[in-house]
């Protein structure tokens, strides 16, 4: 991938991803590193349209497999149009959610299991993150942080979000070299300090090649 660096930020709803993504943006700016910031579902015009379908509360009757396929379709376009070209040109890409979200939300939350991984093998086209920051927080605490209107996924039951969280923890156990869990139920400064260490290590690792 010509020294490109791919970083993803994951976590349950209300885990504080937006705050930490702002920190990561400032981190790269201070390092003089140009980084592309994007999100999922979304990141391209086509993918953003699919995002609208997925998150629209009026689509409450959506079949779980339909949901998983829509996420994968959005991701396939995103990878082909944004992520893969950037990495091939040696750029840094920071993505708010990626394939781990599908495995946690649809694989664990919806009970679709390994089928989600199989579907997304095609969607990601070999683009696996170099580093994934997983913001860990109990779903009950995280959801209490959400203010304003909730989208279709945020409006799901407590039991659903508990399964999602367990799915994330299983991913962290399965891929400890890539996924770095960070306790998000702490002061912001402590969280950013830990994330900074992981970012420093990722940059150092890239510069070794």
Protein backbone atom coordinates (compact mmCIF):
# COMPACT_ATOMS: atom_id res chain seq x y z
CA UNK A 1 0.00 0.00 0.00
CA UNK A 2 3.02 2.34 -0.42
CA UNK A 3 3.29 3.28 3.26
CA UNK A 4 -0.32 4.37 3.59
CA UNK A 5 -1.72 4.27 7.12
CA UNK A 6 -5.29 3.15 7.79
CA UNK A 7 -6.79 3.95 11.20
CA UNK A 8 -10.36 3.26 12.28
CA UNK A 9 -12.25 4.39 15.36
CA UNK A 10 -14.95 2.13 16.75
CA UNK A 11 -17.24 1.98 19.74
CA UNK A 12 -20.83 1.63 20.93
CA UNK A 13 -23.23 4.54 20.57
CA UNK A 14 -22.36 7.30 23.03
CA UNK A 15 -18.74 6.20 23.43
CA UNK A 16 -17.34 9.63 22.53
CA UNK A 17 -16.02 8.89 19.04
CA UNK A 18 -16.67 12.42 17.78
CA UNK A 19 -14.58 13.98 20.55
CA UNK A 20 -11.69 11.59 20.00
CA UNK A 21 -11.82 11.97 16.22
CA UNK A 22 -11.43 15.73 16.74
CA UNK A 23 -8.36 14.99 18.85
CA UNK A 24 -6.93 12.66 16.19
CA UNK A 25 -7.45 15.35 13.54
CA UNK A 26 -5.51 17.86 15.64
CA UNK A 27 -2.84 15.25 16.35
CA UNK A 28 -2.08 14.77 12.66
CA UNK A 29 -2.22 18.50 11.97
CA UNK A 30 0.38 19.12 14.67
CA UNK A 31 2.55 16.36 13.22
CA UNK A 32 2.35 17.97 9.81
CA UNK A 33 0.72 14.83 8.45
CA UNK A 34 -2.05 15.11 5.89
CA UNK A 35 -4.84 12.74 6.82
CA UNK A 36 -8.12 12.00 5.11
CA UNK A 37 -11.06 11.77 7.54
CA UNK A 38 -14.12 9.86 6.47
CA UNK A 39 -16.99 7.84 7.94
CA UNK A 40 -19.18 4.79 7.57
CA UNK A 41 -21.75 4.27 6.46
CA UNK A 42 -20.98 7.08 4.04
CA UNK A 43 -17.85 8.72 2.70
CA UNK A 44 -19.00 8.96 -0.94
CA UNK A 45 -22.19 10.35 -2.55
CA UNK A 46 -23.51 6.83 -3.20
CA UNK A 47 -22.55 5.58 0.25
CA UNK A 48 -24.20 8.59 1.91
CA UNK A 49 -27.46 7.80 0.12
CA UNK A 50 -27.29 4.24 1.44
CA UNK A 51 -26.58 5.67 4.92
CA UNK A 52 -29.84 7.59 4.72
CA UNK A 53 -31.76 4.40 4.01
CA UNK A 54 -30.08 2.45 6.81
CA UNK A 55 -30.53 5.04 9.55
CA UNK A 56 -34.01 6.29 8.64
CA UNK A 57 -36.37 5.39 11.51
CA UNK A 58 -39.20 4.98 9.01
CA UNK A 59 -37.45 1.79 7.80
CA UNK A 60 -38.08 -0.07 11.05
CA UNK A 61 -39.18 -3.19 9.18
CA UNK A 62 -35.79 -3.70 7.54
CA UNK A 63 -34.75 -7.35 7.40
CA UNK A 64 -31.41 -7.96 9.21
CA UNK A 65 -29.72 -9.43 6.13
CA UNK A 66 -30.90 -6.48 4.05
CA UNK A 67 -29.31 -4.18 6.61
CA UNK A 68 -26.02 -6.10 6.52
CA UNK A 69 -25.94 -6.06 2.71
CA UNK A 70 -26.64 -2.33 2.60
CA UNK A 71 -23.75 -1.65 4.97
CA UNK A 72 -21.50 -3.85 2.83
CA UNK A 73 -22.64 -2.11 -0.36
CA UNK A 74 -21.91 1.30 1.13
CA UNK A 75 -18.50 0.04 2.27
CA UNK A 76 -17.60 -1.45 -1.11
CA UNK A 77 -18.16 1.91 -2.80
CA UNK A 78 -16.27 3.72 -0.05
CA UNK A 79 -13.26 1.41 -0.29
CA UNK A 80 -13.13 1.56 -4.08
CA UNK A 81 -13.62 5.30 -4.39
CA UNK A 82 -11.85 6.73 -1.31
CA UNK A 83 -9.96 4.39 1.00
CA UNK A 84 -8.00 2.15 -1.36
CA UNK A 85 -6.85 4.92 -3.74
CA UNK A 86 -5.67 7.04 -0.78
CA UNK A 87 -3.71 4.18 0.77
CA UNK A 88 -2.15 3.28 -2.56
CA UNK A 89 -0.84 6.85 -2.75
CA UNK A 90 0.72 6.59 0.71
CA UNK A 91 -1.86 8.74 2.47
CA UNK A 92 -3.25 8.36 5.99
CA UNK A 93 -6.94 7.52 6.21
CA UNK A 94 -8.91 7.85 9.46
CA UNK A 95 -12.39 6.34 9.33
CA UNK A 96 -15.23 6.73 11.82
CA UNK A 97 -16.43 3.10 11.92
CA UNK A 98 -15.54 0.37 9.45
CA UNK A 99 -16.00 -3.38 9.05
CA UNK A 100 -15.76 -4.10 12.80
CA UNK A 101 -19.00 -2.16 13.23
CA UNK A 102 -20.79 -4.54 10.89
CA UNK A 103 -19.41 -7.58 12.68
CA UNK A 104 -20.51 -6.15 16.05
CA UNK A 105 -23.87 -4.66 15.05
CA UNK A 106 -25.10 -7.12 12.43
CA UNK A 107 -23.02 -10.19 13.29
CA UNK A 108 -23.54 -10.04 17.05
CA UNK A 109 -26.39 -7.58 17.50
CA UNK A 110 -28.60 -9.04 14.76
CA UNK A 111 -27.35 -12.60 15.24
CA UNK A 112 -26.11 -13.01 11.66
CA UNK A 113 -22.77 -14.43 12.80
CA UNK A 114 -20.00 -15.22 10.34
CA UNK A 115 -22.12 -14.37 7.31
CA UNK A 116 -21.33 -10.71 7.97
CA UNK A 117 -17.60 -11.38 7.81
CA UNK A 118 -18.03 -13.33 4.56
CA UNK A 119 -20.07 -10.56 2.94
CA UNK A 120 -17.54 -7.93 3.92
CA UNK A 121 -14.56 -9.90 2.68
CA UNK A 122 -15.67 -8.78 -0.77
CA UNK A 123 -16.58 -5.26 0.33
CA UNK A 124 -13.22 -4.34 1.91
CA UNK A 125 -11.14 -5.72 -0.99
CA UNK A 126 -8.13 -6.41 1.22
CA UNK A 127 -8.18 -3.03 3.03
CA UNK A 128 -7.63 -3.99 6.65
CA UNK A 129 -6.89 -1.23 9.21
CA UNK A 130 -3.37 -0.92 10.60
CA UNK A 131 -4.83 0.34 13.87
CA UNK A 132 -8.33 0.28 15.32
CA UNK A 133 -9.14 2.35 18.39
CA UNK A 134 -12.05 0.75 20.23
CA UNK A 135 -13.70 3.06 22.74
CA UNK A 136 -15.10 0.75 25.38
CA UNK A 137 -18.09 1.86 27.43
CA UNK A 138 -21.03 0.07 28.99
CA UNK A 139 -24.04 0.48 26.66
CA UNK A 140 -26.25 1.79 29.47
CA UNK A 141 -23.77 4.59 30.23
CA UNK A 142 -23.10 5.36 26.58
CA UNK A 143 -26.73 5.55 25.56
CA UNK A 144 -27.49 7.88 28.46
CA UNK A 145 -25.06 10.34 26.87
CA UNK A 146 -27.01 10.58 23.62
CA UNK A 147 -29.01 13.79 23.35
CA UNK A 148 -31.53 14.78 20.72
CA UNK A 149 -33.27 12.56 18.20
CA UNK A 150 -31.97 9.02 17.79
CA UNK A 151 -31.55 7.30 14.43
CA UNK A 152 -32.86 3.81 13.66
CA UNK A 153 -29.81 2.02 15.08
CA UNK A 154 -29.55 4.19 18.19
CA UNK A 155 -33.24 3.50 18.87
CA UNK A 156 -32.70 -0.24 19.19
CA UNK A 157 -33.30 -2.06 22.48
CA UNK A 158 -30.91 -2.24 25.41
CA UNK A 159 -30.53 -5.98 24.77
CA UNK A 160 -29.45 -5.32 21.19
CA UNK A 161 -26.81 -2.81 22.24
CA UNK A 162 -25.57 -5.20 24.91
CA UNK A 163 -24.99 -7.87 22.24
CA UNK A 164 -23.20 -5.31 20.08
CA UNK A 165 -20.90 -4.41 22.96
CA UNK A 166 -20.09 -8.06 23.61
CA UNK A 167 -19.32 -8.41 19.91
CA UNK A 168 -16.82 -5.57 20.13
CA UNK A 169 -15.13 -7.13 23.15
CA UNK A 170 -14.83 -10.43 21.30
CA UNK A 171 -13.19 -8.64 18.35
CA UNK A 172 -10.71 -7.00 20.70
CA UNK A 173 -9.80 -10.39 22.15
CA UNK A 174 -9.47 -11.91 18.68
CA UNK A 175 -7.27 -9.16 17.15
CA UNK A 176 -5.17 -7.69 19.98
CA UNK A 177 -2.37 -6.55 17.64
CA UNK A 178 -4.76 -4.37 15.62
CA UNK A 179 -7.59 -3.46 17.98
CA UNK A 180 -6.63 -1.36 20.99
CA UNK A 181 -9.39 -1.08 23.57
CA UNK A 182 -9.58 2.20 25.46
CA UNK A 183 -11.73 2.73 28.55
CA UNK A 184 -14.03 5.59 27.46
CA UNK A 185 -15.66 6.07 30.86
CA UNK A 186 -12.88 8.37 32.05
CA UNK A 187 -11.93 12.06 31.75
CA UNK A 188 -11.36 13.06 28.13
CA UNK A 189 -7.71 13.96 28.80
CA UNK A 190 -6.92 10.44 30.00
CA UNK A 191 -8.57 8.91 26.96
CA UNK A 192 -6.71 11.14 24.50
CA UNK A 193 -3.39 10.48 26.24
CA UNK A 194 -3.81 6.74 25.75
CA UNK A 195 -4.91 7.13 22.13
CA UNK A 196 -1.91 9.36 21.46
CA UNK A 197 0.42 6.54 22.48
CA UNK A 198 -1.21 4.20 19.97
CA UNK A 199 -1.01 6.84 17.23
CA UNK A 200 2.67 7.45 17.98
CA UNK A 201 3.36 3.72 17.70
CA UNK A 202 1.45 3.48 14.41
CA UNK A 203 3.41 6.37 12.89
CA UNK A 204 6.70 4.96 14.11
CA UNK A 205 5.86 1.57 12.64
CA UNK A 206 5.03 3.12 9.27
CA UNK A 207 8.24 5.10 9.16
CA UNK A 208 10.27 1.94 9.71
CA UNK A 209 9.44 0.76 6.20
